Amino acid sequence: MKALKIPKNNSGISKTLRLPENIVKDVQMLSDMKNISFNKTVIELLSFSLSNLDEEDEKEIEEKRKDFSVIF
């Protein structure tokens, strides 16, 4: 498994998500259990998920990253 590296710059982009109530409850319980913020928990869960995609999805995202970097 990859090691977690938290960047020193804490800048971020604000996004609004509509989540099912049962997921919000479970994430909030996990946050409370670990004594970390809801936001931090969501970030960790999303990061873990993105780091553990199946090979096909991972390859497709990598290709889209290349295309996306050309735009910026």
Protein backbone atom coordinates (compact mmCIF):
# COMPACT_ATOMS: atom_id res chain seq x y z
CA MET A 1 0.00 0.00 0.00
CA LYS A 2 1.18 3.52 -0.74
CA ALA A 3 2.28 5.79 2.11
CA LEU A 4 0.14 8.81 2.87
CA LYS A 5 1.80 12.16 2.27
CA ILE A 6 -0.13 15.24 3.34
CA PRO A 7 0.95 18.39 1.50
CA LYS A 8 2.02 21.41 3.53
CA ASN A 9 -0.23 23.69 1.48
CA ASN A 10 -3.78 23.17 2.74
CA SER A 11 -5.47 24.93 -0.15
CA GLY A 12 -8.46 23.22 -1.60
CA ILE A 13 -11.42 23.58 -3.88
CA SER A 14 -14.91 23.83 -2.51
CA LYS A 15 -17.40 21.34 -3.97
CA THR A 16 -20.95 20.59 -2.90
CA LEU A 17 -21.91 16.91 -2.72
CA ARG A 18 -25.33 15.39 -2.23
CA LEU A 19 -24.81 12.18 -0.30
CA PRO A 20 -27.28 9.54 0.84
CA GLU A 21 -28.21 9.95 4.49
CA ASN A 22 -26.95 6.48 5.45
CA ILE A 23 -23.48 7.26 4.02
CA VAL A 24 -23.35 10.59 5.85
CA LYS A 25 -24.25 8.86 9.12
CA ASP A 26 -21.60 6.18 8.66
CA VAL A 27 -18.90 8.68 7.69
CA GLN A 28 -19.84 10.87 10.66
CA MET A 29 -19.64 7.87 13.01
CA LEU A 30 -16.22 6.96 11.61
CA SER A 31 -15.09 10.59 11.99
CA ASP A 32 -16.24 10.63 15.59
CA MET A 33 -14.56 7.30 16.33
CA LYS A 34 -11.25 8.54 14.91
CA ASN A 35 -11.67 12.05 16.32
CA ILE A 36 -11.12 13.71 12.95
CA SER A 37 -13.30 16.03 10.90
CA PHE A 38 -15.98 14.80 8.54
CA ASN A 39 -14.16 16.54 5.69
CA LYS A 40 -10.84 14.85 6.52
CA THR A 41 -12.58 11.47 6.67
CA VAL A 42 -14.18 11.99 3.25
CA ILE A 43 -10.83 13.06 1.78
CA GLU A 44 -9.12 9.97 3.19
CA LEU A 45 -11.86 7.65 1.89
CA LEU A 46 -11.80 9.21 -1.57
CA SER A 47 -7.99 9.14 -1.71
CA PHE A 48 -7.95 5.48 -0.72
CA SER A 49 -10.60 4.65 -3.32
CA LEU A 50 -8.73 6.45 -6.08
CA SER A 51 -5.49 4.70 -5.12
CA ASN A 52 -7.20 1.31 -5.36
CA LEU A 53 -9.08 1.48 -8.65
CA ASP A 54 -9.14 -1.52 -10.94
CA GLU A 55 -6.50 -1.45 -13.66
CA GLU A 56 -8.87 -0.45 -16.46
CA ASP A 57 -10.26 2.57 -14.60
CA GLU A 58 -6.79 3.56 -13.45
CA LYS A 59 -5.47 3.53 -17.03
CA GLU A 60 -8.44 5.57 -18.26
CA ILE A 61 -7.97 8.20 -15.56
CA GLU A 62 -4.25 8.39 -16.33
CA GLU A 63 -5.03 9.07 -19.99
CA LYS A 64 -7.56 11.74 -19.05
CA ARG A 65 -5.00 13.36 -16.73
CA LYS A 66 -2.63 13.70 -19.69
CA ASP A 67 -5.37 15.33 -21.77
CA PHE A 68 -6.40 17.55 -18.87
CA SER A 69 -2.84 18.80 -18.26
CA VAL A 70 -2.63 19.99 -21.88
CA ILE A 71 -5.60 22.32 -21.26
CA PHE A 72 -3.84 23.99 -18.30
